[in-house]
Amino acid sequence: MTKSRCAWCGRGFEATAGPGRPRRYCKPSCRQRDYEARRRAAELGLSEGELVVARAELEDLRDRLYVLRCAVEDVERDLAENAEDPDDVRRALDWLLDAARTAASE
């Protein structure tokens, strides 16, 4: 078994080796969403590299990335000042992981 990434959502999944084409999607709903997106893109005359996204979704993504960027800057600064105390390092990394989880959530 090899590890693959879903062509729609990007989640990792175990791809089994066997006859036929290799799996591209982690679940049938991802395959369906990709099919619908390709059909809609063809209707709109979009190329493979173009994407239509709702403004609210784009703004939400930008907000989550901003929080993550600020967390990285805070942790870098904290580690530069207090890198010797393991408890401070752990707190900084926990803060960064929380921000990353929030940014990665849908």
PDB file of N, CA and C in Angstrom:
ATOM      1  N   MET A   1       0.832  -1.184   0.000  1.00  0.00           N
ATOM      2  CA  MET A   1       0.000   0.000   0.000  1.00  0.00           C
ATOM      3  C   MET A   1       0.873   1.242   0.000  1.00  0.00           C
ATOM      4  N   THR A   2       0.421   2.229  -0.764  1.00  0.00           N
ATOM      5  CA  THR A   2       1.121   3.504  -0.809  1.00  0.00           C
ATOM      6  C   THR A   2       0.201   4.604  -0.315  1.00  0.00           C
ATOM      7  N   LYS A   3       0.795   5.652   0.162  1.00  0.00           N
ATOM      8  CA  LYS A   3       0.033   6.791   0.657  1.00  0.00           C
ATOM      9  C   LYS A   3      -0.203   7.756  -0.506  1.00  0.00           C
ATOM     10  N   SER A   4      -1.464   8.132  -0.712  1.00  0.00           N
ATOM     11  CA  SER A   4      -1.821   9.071  -1.770  1.00  0.00           C
ATOM     12  C   SER A   4      -2.610  10.229  -1.188  1.00  0.00           C
ATOM     13  N   ARG A   5      -2.755  11.282  -1.951  1.00  0.00           N
ATOM     14  CA  ARG A   5      -3.559  12.438  -1.558  1.00  0.00           C
ATOM     15  C   ARG A   5      -4.778  12.507  -2.467  1.00  0.00           C
ATOM     16  N   CYS A   6      -5.918  12.813  -1.861  1.00  0.00           N
ATOM     17  CA  CYS A   6      -7.169  12.938  -2.591  1.00  0.00           C
ATOM     18  C   CYS A   6      -7.074  14.106  -3.569  1.00  0.00           C
ATOM     19  N   ALA A   7      -7.498  13.879  -4.810  1.00  0.00           N
ATOM     20  CA  ALA A   7      -7.450  14.923  -5.834  1.00  0.00           C
ATOM     21  C   ALA A   7      -8.436  16.047  -5.557  1.00  0.00           C
ATOM     22  N   TRP A   8      -9.427  15.823  -4.705  1.00  0.00           N
ATOM     23  CA  TRP A   8     -10.398  16.867  -4.392  1.00  0.00           C
ATOM     24  C   TRP A   8     -10.069  17.592  -3.083  1.00  0.00           C
ATOM     25  N   CYS A   9      -9.978  16.855  -1.979  1.00  0.00           N
ATOM     26  CA  CYS A   9      -9.848  17.500  -0.667  1.00  0.00           C
ATOM     27  C   CYS A   9      -8.422  17.534  -0.142  1.00  0.00           C
ATOM     28  N   GLY A  10      -7.520  16.740  -0.707  1.00  0.00           N
ATOM     29  CA  GLY A  10      -6.131  16.743  -0.278  1.00  0.00           C
ATOM     30  C   GLY A  10      -5.818  15.846   0.904  1.00  0.00           C
ATOM     31  N   ARG A  11      -6.833  15.167   1.452  1.00  0.00           N
ATOM     32  CA  ARG A  11      -6.574  14.257   2.575  1.00  0.00           C
ATOM     33  C   ARG A  11      -5.751  13.064   2.106  1.00  0.00           C
ATOM     34  N   GLY A  12      -4.945  12.543   3.017  1.00  0.00           N
ATOM     35  CA  GLY A  12      -4.176  11.349   2.701  1.00  0.00           C
ATOM     36  C   GLY A  12      -5.038  10.104   2.829  1.00  0.00           C
ATOM     37  N   PHE A  13      -4.769   9.106   1.997  1.00  0.00           N
ATOM     38  CA  PHE A  13      -5.458   7.823   2.101  1.00  0.00           C
ATOM     39  C   PHE A  13      -4.545   6.727   1.578  1.00  0.00           C
ATOM     40  N   GLU A  14      -4.830   5.515   1.996  1.00  0.00           N
ATOM     41  CA  GLU A  14      -4.034   4.361   1.562  1.00  0.00           C
ATOM     42  C   GLU A  14      -4.502   3.895   0.193  1.00  0.00           C
ATOM     43  N   ALA A  15      -3.618   3.922  -0.767  1.00  0.00           N
ATOM     44  CA  ALA A  15      -3.928   3.461  -2.116  1.00  0.00           C
ATOM     45  C   ALA A  15      -3.439   2.030  -2.265  1.00  0.00           C
ATOM     46  N   THR A  16      -4.349   1.135  -2.564  1.00  0.00           N
ATOM     47  CA  THR A  16      -3.984  -0.263  -2.717  1.00  0.00           C
ATOM     48  C   THR A  16      -3.506  -0.523  -4.138  1.00  0.00           C
ATOM     49  N   ALA A  17      -2.515  -1.352  -4.260  1.00  0.00           N
ATOM     50  CA  ALA A  17      -2.010  -1.732  -5.570  1.00  0.00           C
ATOM     51  C   ALA A  17      -2.850  -2.886  -6.084  1.00  0.00           C
ATOM     52  N   GLY A  18      -3.198  -2.819  -7.322  1.00  0.00           N
ATOM     53  CA  GLY A  18      -4.004  -3.883  -7.903  1.00  0.00           C
ATOM     54  C   GLY A  18      -4.358  -3.553  -9.335  1.00  0.00           C
ATOM     55  N   PRO A  19      -5.219  -4.356  -9.915  1.00  0.00           N
ATOM     56  CA  PRO A  19      -5.599  -4.098 -11.304  1.00  0.00           C
ATOM     57  C   PRO A  19      -6.444  -2.825 -11.417  1.00  0.00           C
ATOM     58  N   GLY A  20      -6.430  -2.245 -12.586  1.00  0.00           N
ATOM     59  CA  GLY A  20      -7.224  -1.056 -12.820  1.00  0.00           C
ATOM     60  C   GLY A  20      -6.468   0.219 -12.511  1.00  0.00           C
ATOM     61  N   ARG A  21      -7.173   1.317 -12.685  1.00  0.00           N
ATOM     62  CA  ARG A  21      -6.573   2.618 -12.424  1.00  0.00           C
ATOM     63  C   ARG A  21      -6.410   2.839 -10.926  1.00  0.00           C
ATOM     64  N   PRO A  22      -5.366   3.550 -10.533  1.00  0.00           N
ATOM     65  CA  PRO A  22      -5.195   3.851  -9.105  1.00  0.00           C
ATOM     66  C   PRO A  22      -6.270   4.837  -8.645  1.00  0.00           C
ATOM     67  N   ARG A  23      -6.649   4.730  -7.385  1.00  0.00           N
ATOM     68  CA  ARG A  23      -7.635   5.644  -6.807  1.00  0.00           C
ATOM     69  C   ARG A  23      -7.079   7.050  -6.773  1.00  0.00           C
ATOM     70  N   ARG A  24      -7.950   8.035  -7.052  1.00  0.00           N
ATOM     71  CA  ARG A  24      -7.560   9.444  -6.976  1.00  0.00           C
ATOM     72  C   ARG A  24      -8.267  10.162  -5.848  1.00  0.00           C
ATOM     73  N   TYR A  25      -9.294   9.554  -5.285  1.00  0.00           N
ATOM     74  CA  TYR A  25     -10.128  10.208  -4.281  1.00  0.00           C
ATOM     75  C   TYR A  25     -10.231   9.345  -3.037  1.00  0.00           C
ATOM     76  N   CYS A  26     -10.368  10.025  -1.884  1.00  0.00           N
ATOM     77  CA  CYS A  26     -10.431   9.287  -0.621  1.00  0.00           C
ATOM     78  C   CYS A  26     -11.809   8.683  -0.380  1.00  0.00           C
ATOM     79  N   LYS A  27     -12.843   9.246  -0.985  1.00  0.00           N
ATOM     80  CA  LYS A  27     -14.197   8.726  -0.806  1.00  0.00           C
ATOM     81  C   LYS A  27     -15.045   9.110  -2.021  1.00  0.00           C
ATOM     82  N   PRO A  28     -16.149   8.429  -2.216  1.00  0.00           N
ATOM     83  CA  PRO A  28     -16.995   8.697  -3.391  1.00  0.00           C
ATOM     84  C   PRO A  28     -17.522  10.130  -3.462  1.00  0.00           C
ATOM     85  N   SER A  29     -17.797  10.750  -2.330  1.00  0.00           N
ATOM     86  CA  SER A  29     -18.313  12.123  -2.367  1.00  0.00           C
ATOM     87  C   SER A  29     -17.269  13.095  -2.923  1.00  0.00           C
ATOM     88  N   CYS A  30     -16.002  12.852  -2.666  1.00  0.00           N
ATOM     89  CA  CYS A  30     -14.948  13.692  -3.236  1.00  0.00           C
ATOM     90  C   CYS A  30     -14.879  13.509  -4.747  1.00  0.00           C
ATOM     91  N   ARG A  31     -15.030  12.283  -5.192  1.00  0.00           N
ATOM     92  CA  ARG A  31     -15.035  12.019  -6.632  1.00  0.00           C
ATOM     93  C   ARG A  31     -16.203  12.751  -7.297  1.00  0.00           C
ATOM     94  N   GLN A  32     -17.372  12.705  -6.655  1.00  0.00           N
ATOM     95  CA  GLN A  32     -18.552  13.372  -7.191  1.00  0.00           C
ATOM     96  C   GLN A  32     -18.363  14.888  -7.229  1.00  0.00           C
ATOM     97  N   ARG A  33     -17.824  15.455  -6.172  1.00  0.00           N
ATOM     98  CA  ARG A  33     -17.597  16.902  -6.140  1.00  0.00           C
ATOM     99  C   ARG A  33     -16.617  17.343  -7.216  1.00  0.00           C
ATOM    100  N   ASP A  34     -15.580  16.541  -7.448  1.00  0.00           N
ATOM    101  CA  ASP A  34     -14.616  16.875  -8.487  1.00  0.00           C
ATOM    102  C   ASP A  34     -15.272  16.805  -9.863  1.00  0.00           C
ATOM    103  N   TYR A  35     -16.089  15.810 -10.078  1.00  0.00           N
ATOM    104  CA  TYR A  35     -16.818  15.681 -11.344  1.00  0.00           C
ATOM    105  C   TYR A  35     -17.715  16.907 -11.565  1.00  0.00           C
ATOM    106  N   GLU A  36     -18.465  17.283 -10.533  1.00  0.00           N
ATOM    107  CA  GLU A  36     -19.356  18.438 -10.650  1.00  0.00           C
ATOM    108  C   GLU A  36     -18.569  19.716 -10.913  1.00  0.00           C
ATOM    109  N   ALA A  37     -17.435  19.867 -10.252  1.00  0.00           N
ATOM    110  CA  ALA A  37     -16.603  21.057 -10.449  1.00  0.00           C
ATOM    111  C   ALA A  37     -16.051  21.103 -11.870  1.00  0.00           C
ATOM    112  N   ARG A  38     -15.624  19.969 -12.392  1.00  0.00           N
ATOM    113  CA  ARG A  38     -15.111  19.932 -13.764  1.00  0.00           C
ATOM    114  C   ARG A  38     -16.212  20.249 -14.774  1.00  0.00           C
ATOM    115  N   ARG A  39     -17.403  19.723 -14.552  1.00  0.00           N
ATOM    116  CA  ARG A  39     -18.542  20.013 -15.434  1.00  0.00           C
ATOM    117  C   ARG A  39     -18.881  21.503 -15.400  1.00  0.00           C
ATOM    118  N   ARG A  40     -18.936  22.071 -14.206  1.00  0.00           N
ATOM    119  CA  ARG A  40     -19.273  23.495 -14.070  1.00  0.00           C
ATOM    120  C   ARG A  40     -18.187  24.363 -14.695  1.00  0.00           C
ATOM    121  N   ALA A  41     -16.929  23.991 -14.518  1.00  0.00           N
ATOM    122  CA  ALA A  41     -15.828  24.744 -15.122  1.00  0.00           C
ATOM    123  C   ALA A  41     -15.935  24.714 -16.645  1.00  0.00           C
ATOM    124  N   ALA A  42     -16.298  23.563 -17.194  1.00  0.00           N
ATOM    125  CA  ALA A  42     -16.467  23.457 -18.645  1.00  0.00           C
ATOM    126  C   ALA A  42     -17.613  24.352 -19.120  1.00  0.00           C
ATOM    127  N   GLU A  43     -18.704  24.405 -18.351  1.00  0.00           N
ATOM    128  CA  GLU A  43     -19.831  25.267 -18.703  1.00  0.00           C
ATOM    129  C   GLU A  43     -19.426  26.738 -18.715  1.00  0.00           C
ATOM    130  N   LEU A  44     -18.567  27.130 -17.794  1.00  0.00           N
ATOM    131  CA  LEU A  44     -18.131  28.519 -17.681  1.00  0.00           C
ATOM    132  C   LEU A  44     -16.948  28.847 -18.583  1.00  0.00           C
ATOM    133  N   GLY A  45     -16.389  27.836 -19.225  1.00  0.00           N
ATOM    134  CA  GLY A  45     -15.242  28.048 -20.103  1.00  0.00           C
ATOM    135  C   GLY A  45     -13.948  28.279 -19.360  1.00  0.00           C
ATOM    136  N   LEU A  46     -13.839  27.728 -18.147  1.00  0.00           N
ATOM    137  CA  LEU A  46     -12.620  27.885 -17.352  1.00  0.00           C
ATOM    138  C   LEU A  46     -11.611  26.810 -17.706  1.00  0.00           C
ATOM    139  N   SER A  47     -10.340  27.169 -17.609  1.00  0.00           N
ATOM    140  CA  SER A  47      -9.292  26.180 -17.842  1.00  0.00           C
ATOM    141  C   SER A  47      -9.056  25.379 -16.571  1.00  0.00           C
ATOM    142  N   GLU A  48      -8.217  24.371 -16.676  1.00  0.00           N
ATOM    143  CA  GLU A  48      -7.907  23.502 -15.527  1.00  0.00           C
ATOM    144  C   GLU A  48      -7.295  24.275 -14.361  1.00  0.00           C
ATOM    145  N   GLY A  49      -6.569  25.340 -14.657  1.00  0.00           N
ATOM    146  CA  GLY A  49      -5.894  26.103 -13.617  1.00  0.00           C
ATOM    147  C   GLY A  49      -6.726  27.209 -12.992  1.00  0.00           C
ATOM    148  N   GLU A  50      -7.954  27.417 -13.461  1.00  0.00           N
ATOM    149  CA  GLU A  50      -8.796  28.479 -12.928  1.00  0.00           C
ATOM    150  C   GLU A  50      -9.803  27.918 -11.934  1.00  0.00           C
ATOM    151  N   LEU A  51     -10.206  28.775 -10.995  1.00  0.00           N
ATOM    152  CA  LEU A  51     -11.091  28.343  -9.927  1.00  0.00           C
ATOM    153  C   LEU A  51     -12.062  29.457  -9.589  1.00  0.00           C
ATOM    154  N   VAL A  52     -13.306  29.082  -9.347  1.00  0.00           N
ATOM    155  CA  VAL A  52     -14.299  30.030  -8.872  1.00  0.00           C
ATOM    156  C   VAL A  52     -14.556  29.712  -7.411  1.00  0.00           C
ATOM    157  N   VAL A  53     -14.448  30.733  -6.566  1.00  0.00           N
ATOM    158  CA  VAL A  53     -14.653  30.533  -5.137  1.00  0.00           C
ATOM    159  C   VAL A  53     -15.506  31.691  -4.623  1.00  0.00           C
ATOM    160  N   ALA A  54     -16.371  31.378  -3.681  1.00  0.00           N
ATOM    161  CA  ALA A  54     -17.217  32.419  -3.099  1.00  0.00           C
ATOM    162  C   ALA A  54     -16.361  33.413  -2.316  1.00  0.00           C
ATOM    163  N   ARG A  55     -16.738  34.674  -2.381  1.00  0.00           N
ATOM    164  CA  ARG A  55     -15.979  35.711  -1.698  1.00  0.00           C
ATOM    165  C   ARG A  55     -15.887  35.437  -0.198  1.00  0.00           C
ATOM    166  N   ALA A  56     -16.978  34.954   0.406  1.00  0.00           N
ATOM    167  CA  ALA A  56     -16.972  34.668   1.847  1.00  0.00           C
ATOM    168  C   ALA A  56     -15.971  33.568   2.185  1.00  0.00           C
ATOM    169  N   GLU A  57     -15.873  32.545   1.332  1.00  0.00           N
ATOM    170  CA  GLU A  57     -14.909  31.470   1.573  1.00  0.00           C
ATOM    171  C   GLU A  57     -13.483  31.980   1.444  1.00  0.00           C
ATOM    172  N   LEU A  58     -13.253  32.831   0.467  1.00  0.00           N
ATOM    173  CA  LEU A  58     -11.917  33.404   0.284  1.00  0.00           C
ATOM    174  C   LEU A  58     -11.528  34.269   1.478  1.00  0.00           C
ATOM    175  N   GLU A  59     -12.447  35.088   1.950  1.00  0.00           N
ATOM    176  CA  GLU A  59     -12.166  35.933   3.112  1.00  0.00           C
ATOM    177  C   GLU A  59     -11.910  35.095   4.359  1.00  0.00           C
ATOM    178  N   ASP A  60     -12.678  34.023   4.530  1.00  0.00           N
ATOM    179  CA  ASP A  60     -12.460  33.129   5.675  1.00  0.00           C
ATOM    180  C   ASP A  60     -11.075  32.505   5.610  1.00  0.00           C
ATOM    181  N   LEU A  61     -10.674  32.057   4.435  1.00  0.00           N
ATOM    182  CA  LEU A  61      -9.332  31.485   4.267  1.00  0.00           C
ATOM    183  C   LEU A  61      -8.264  32.520   4.566  1.00  0.00           C
ATOM    184  N   ARG A  62      -8.439  33.721   4.068  1.00  0.00           N
ATOM    185  CA  ARG A  62      -7.459  34.783   4.347  1.00  0.00           C
ATOM    186  C   ARG A  62      -7.358  35.064   5.844  1.00  0.00           C
ATOM    187  N   ASP A  63      -8.509  35.087   6.534  1.00  0.00           N
ATOM    188  CA  ASP A  63      -8.501  35.328   7.984  1.00  0.00           C
ATOM    189  C   ASP A  63      -7.747  34.227   8.718  1.00  0.00           C
ATOM    190  N   ARG A  64      -8.004  32.960   8.354  1.00  0.00           N
ATOM    191  CA  ARG A  64      -7.322  31.849   9.020  1.00  0.00           C
ATOM    192  C   ARG A  64      -5.826  31.875   8.748  1.00  0.00           C
ATOM    193  N   LEU A  65      -5.427  32.229   7.539  1.00  0.00           N
ATOM    194  CA  LEU A  65      -4.002  32.321   7.219  1.00  0.00           C
ATOM    195  C   LEU A  65      -3.340  33.478   7.950  1.00  0.00           C
ATOM    196  N   TYR A  66      -4.059  34.579   8.140  1.00  0.00           N
ATOM    197  CA  TYR A  66      -3.528  35.706   8.899  1.00  0.00           C
ATOM    198  C   TYR A  66      -3.249  35.296  10.346  1.00  0.00           C
ATOM    199  N   VAL A  67      -4.197  34.586  10.953  1.00  0.00           N
ATOM    200  CA  VAL A  67      -4.013  34.112  12.330  1.00  0.00           C
ATOM    201  C   VAL A  67      -2.798  33.194  12.405  1.00  0.00           C
ATOM    202  N   LEU A  68      -2.662  32.305  11.433  1.00  0.00           N
ATOM    203  CA  LEU A  68      -1.511  31.393  11.418  1.00  0.00           C
ATOM    204  C   LEU A  68      -0.203  32.163  11.254  1.00  0.00           C
ATOM    205  N   ARG A  69      -0.193  33.139  10.346  1.00  0.00           N
ATOM    206  CA  ARG A  69       1.019  33.947  10.141  1.00  0.00           C
ATOM    207  C   ARG A  69       1.409  34.685  11.428  1.00  0.00           C
ATOM    208  N   CYS A  70       0.434  35.240  12.122  1.00  0.00           N
ATOM    209  CA  CYS A  70       0.711  35.931  13.392  1.00  0.00           C
ATOM    210  C   CYS A  70       1.228  34.964  14.445  1.00  0.00           C
ATOM    211  N   ALA A  71       0.654  33.755  14.487  1.00  0.00           N
ATOM    212  CA  ALA A  71       1.114  32.759  15.453  1.00  0.00           C
ATOM    213  C   ALA A  71       2.560  32.369  15.180  1.00  0.00           C
ATOM    214  N   VAL A  72       2.915  32.201  13.922  1.00  0.00           N
ATOM    215  CA  VAL A  72       4.302  31.866  13.574  1.00  0.00           C
ATOM    216  C   VAL A  72       5.239  32.981  14.026  1.00  0.00           C
ATOM    217  N   GLU A  73       4.866  34.227  13.763  1.00  0.00           N
ATOM    218  CA  GLU A  73       5.706  35.352  14.184  1.00  0.00           C
ATOM    219  C   GLU A  73       5.837  35.404  15.704  1.00  0.00           C
ATOM    220  N   ASP A  74       4.726  35.187  16.421  1.00  0.00           N
ATOM    221  CA  ASP A  74       4.767  35.194  17.894  1.00  0.00           C
ATOM    222  C   ASP A  74       5.673  34.097  18.427  1.00  0.00           C
ATOM    223  N   VAL A  75       5.543  32.904  17.859  1.00  0.00           N
ATOM    224  CA  VAL A  75       6.351  31.773  18.330  1.00  0.00           C
ATOM    225  C   VAL A  75       7.824  31.994  18.007  1.00  0.00           C
ATOM    226  N   GLU A  76       8.124  32.509  16.835  1.00  0.00           N
ATOM    227  CA  GLU A  76       9.519  32.802  16.506  1.00  0.00           C
ATOM    228  C   GLU A  76      10.115  33.798  17.502  1.00  0.00           C
ATOM    229  N   ARG A  77       9.350  34.842  17.819  1.00  0.00           N
ATOM    230  CA  ARG A  77       9.822  35.836  18.771  1.00  0.00           C
ATOM    231  C   ARG A  77       9.985  35.228  20.163  1.00  0.00           C
ATOM    232  N   ASP A  78       8.991  34.437  20.608  1.00  0.00           N
ATOM    233  CA  ASP A  78       9.068  33.812  21.925  1.00  0.00           C
ATOM    234  C   ASP A  78      10.251  32.861  22.030  1.00  0.00           C
ATOM    235  N   LEU A  79      10.480  32.078  20.986  1.00  0.00           N
ATOM    236  CA  LEU A  79      11.595  31.128  21.023  1.00  0.00           C
ATOM    237  C   LEU A  79      12.946  31.853  20.981  1.00  0.00           C
ATOM    238  N   ALA A  80      13.014  32.979  20.303  1.00  0.00           N
ATOM    239  CA  ALA A  80      14.265  33.746  20.274  1.00  0.00           C
ATOM    240  C   ALA A  80      14.585  34.307  21.659  1.00  0.00           C
ATOM    241  N   GLU A  81      13.525  34.627  22.420  1.00  0.00           N
ATOM    242  CA  GLU A  81      13.720  35.216  23.746  1.00  0.00           C
ATOM    243  C   GLU A  81      13.855  34.162  24.847  1.00  0.00           C
ATOM    244  N   ASN A  82      13.092  33.065  24.750  1.00  0.00           N
ATOM    245  CA  ASN A  82      13.007  32.093  25.849  1.00  0.00           C
ATOM    246  C   ASN A  82      13.234  30.656  25.390  1.00  0.00           C
ATOM    247  N   ALA A  83      14.160  30.435  24.491  1.00  0.00           N
ATOM    248  CA  ALA A  83      14.362  29.100  23.932  1.00  0.00           C
ATOM    249  C   ALA A  83      14.983  28.119  24.919  1.00  0.00           C
ATOM    250  N   GLU A  84      15.421  28.591  26.066  1.00  0.00           N
ATOM    251  CA  GLU A  84      16.099  27.704  27.019  1.00  0.00           C
ATOM    252  C   GLU A  84      15.130  26.987  27.948  1.00  0.00           C
ATOM    253  N   ASP A  85      13.962  27.553  28.195  1.00  0.00           N
ATOM    254  CA  ASP A  85      12.996  26.968  29.118  1.00  0.00           C
ATOM    255  C   ASP A  85      12.078  26.003  28.356  1.00  0.00           C
ATOM    256  N   PRO A  86      12.157  24.698  28.646  1.00  0.00           N
ATOM    257  CA  PRO A  86      11.330  23.722  27.928  1.00  0.00           C
ATOM    258  C   PRO A  86       9.827  23.989  28.061  1.00  0.00           C
ATOM    259  N   ASP A  87       9.384  24.510  29.197  1.00  0.00           N
ATOM    260  CA  ASP A  87       7.962  24.805  29.363  1.00  0.00           C
ATOM    261  C   ASP A  87       7.515  25.932  28.430  1.00  0.00           C
ATOM    262  N   ASP A  88       8.356  26.943  28.273  1.00  0.00           N
ATOM    263  CA  ASP A  88       8.037  28.035  27.351  1.00  0.00           C
ATOM    264  C   ASP A  88       8.012  27.545  25.910  1.00  0.00           C
ATOM    265  N   VAL A  89       8.952  26.683  25.562  1.00  0.00           N
ATOM    266  CA  VAL A  89       8.990  26.126  24.214  1.00  0.00           C
ATOM    267  C   VAL A  89       7.724  25.311  23.955  1.00  0.00           C
ATOM    268  N   ARG A  90       7.338  24.500  24.933  1.00  0.00           N
ATOM    269  CA  ARG A  90       6.138  23.680  24.771  1.00  0.00           C
ATOM    270  C   ARG A  90       4.884  24.541  24.615  1.00  0.00           C
ATOM    271  N   ARG A  91       4.756  25.587  25.420  1.00  0.00           N
ATOM    272  CA  ARG A  91       3.599  26.486  25.317  1.00  0.00           C
ATOM    273  C   ARG A  91       3.566  27.169  23.944  1.00  0.00           C
ATOM    274  N   ALA A  92       4.731  27.595  23.465  1.00  0.00           N
ATOM    275  CA  ALA A  92       4.795  28.255  22.161  1.00  0.00           C
ATOM    276  C   ALA A  92       4.387  27.302  21.047  1.00  0.00           C
ATOM    277  N   LEU A  93       4.874  26.071  21.119  1.00  0.00           N
ATOM    278  CA  LEU A  93       4.517  25.093  20.088  1.00  0.00           C
ATOM    279  C   LEU A  93       3.044  24.705  20.165  1.00  0.00           C
ATOM    280  N   ASP A  94       2.492  24.614  21.368  1.00  0.00           N
ATOM    281  CA  ASP A  94       1.057  24.336  21.511  1.00  0.00           C
ATOM    282  C   ASP A  94       0.227  25.450  20.878  1.00  0.00           C
ATOM    283  N   TRP A  95       0.628  26.702  21.113  1.00  0.00           N
ATOM    284  CA  TRP A  95      -0.054  27.855  20.528  1.00  0.00           C
ATOM    285  C   TRP A  95      -0.001  27.777  19.004  1.00  0.00           C
ATOM    286  N   LEU A  96       1.172  27.439  18.467  1.00  0.00           N
ATOM    287  CA  LEU A  96       1.329  27.340  17.020  1.00  0.00           C
ATOM    288  C   LEU A  96       0.486  26.198  16.452  1.00  0.00           C
ATOM    289  N   LEU A  97       0.482  25.059  17.134  1.00  0.00           N
ATOM    290  CA  LEU A  97      -0.340  23.934  16.669  1.00  0.00           C
ATOM    291  C   LEU A  97      -1.823  24.270  16.686  1.00  0.00           C
ATOM    292  N   ASP A  98      -2.289  24.956  17.709  1.00  0.00           N
ATOM    293  CA  ASP A  98      -3.699  25.365  17.753  1.00  0.00           C
ATOM    294  C   ASP A  98      -4.037  26.276  16.576  1.00  0.00           C
ATOM    295  N   ALA A  99      -3.158  27.208  16.284  1.00  0.00           N
ATOM    296  CA  ALA A  99      -3.397  28.119  15.150  1.00  0.00           C
ATOM    297  C   ALA A  99      -3.382  27.345  13.835  1.00  0.00           C
ATOM    298  N   ALA A 100      -2.479  26.380  13.712  1.00  0.00           N
ATOM    299  CA  ALA A 100      -2.406  25.585  12.482  1.00  0.00           C
ATOM    300  C   ALA A 100      -3.653  24.728  12.315  1.00  0.00           C
ATOM    301  N   ARG A 101      -4.124  24.132  13.408  1.00  0.00           N
ATOM    302  CA  ARG A 101      -5.357  23.325  13.326  1.00  0.00           C
ATOM    303  C   ARG A 101      -6.544  24.194  12.903  1.00  0.00           C
ATOM    304  N   THR A 102      -6.625  25.389  13.439  1.00  0.00           N
ATOM    305  CA  THR A 102      -7.707  26.296  13.073  1.00  0.00           C
ATOM    306  C   THR A 102      -7.617  26.675  11.593  1.00  0.00           C
ATOM    307  N   ALA A 103      -6.414  26.953  11.123  1.00  0.00           N
ATOM    308  CA  ALA A 103      -6.224  27.319   9.721  1.00  0.00           C
ATOM    309  C   ALA A 103      -6.547  26.161   8.797  1.00  0.00           C
ATOM    310  N   ALA A 104      -6.302  24.943   9.234  1.00  0.00           N
ATOM    311  CA  ALA A 104      -6.528  23.765   8.395  1.00  0.00           C
ATOM    312  C   ALA A 104      -7.969  23.276   8.435  1.00  0.00           C
ATOM    313  N   SER A 105      -8.755  23.759   9.387  1.00  0.00           N
ATOM    314  CA  SER A 105     -10.137  23.283   9.488  1.00  0.00           C
ATOM    315  C   SER A 105     -10.970  23.876   8.367  1.00  0.00           C
ATOM    316  N   GLU A 106     -12.040  23.184   8.063  1.00  0.00           N
ATOM    317  CA  GLU A 106     -12.918  23.657   6.980  1.00  0.00           C
ATOM    318  C   GLU A 106     -14.122  24.346   7.536  1.00  0.00           C
TER     319      GLU A 106
END
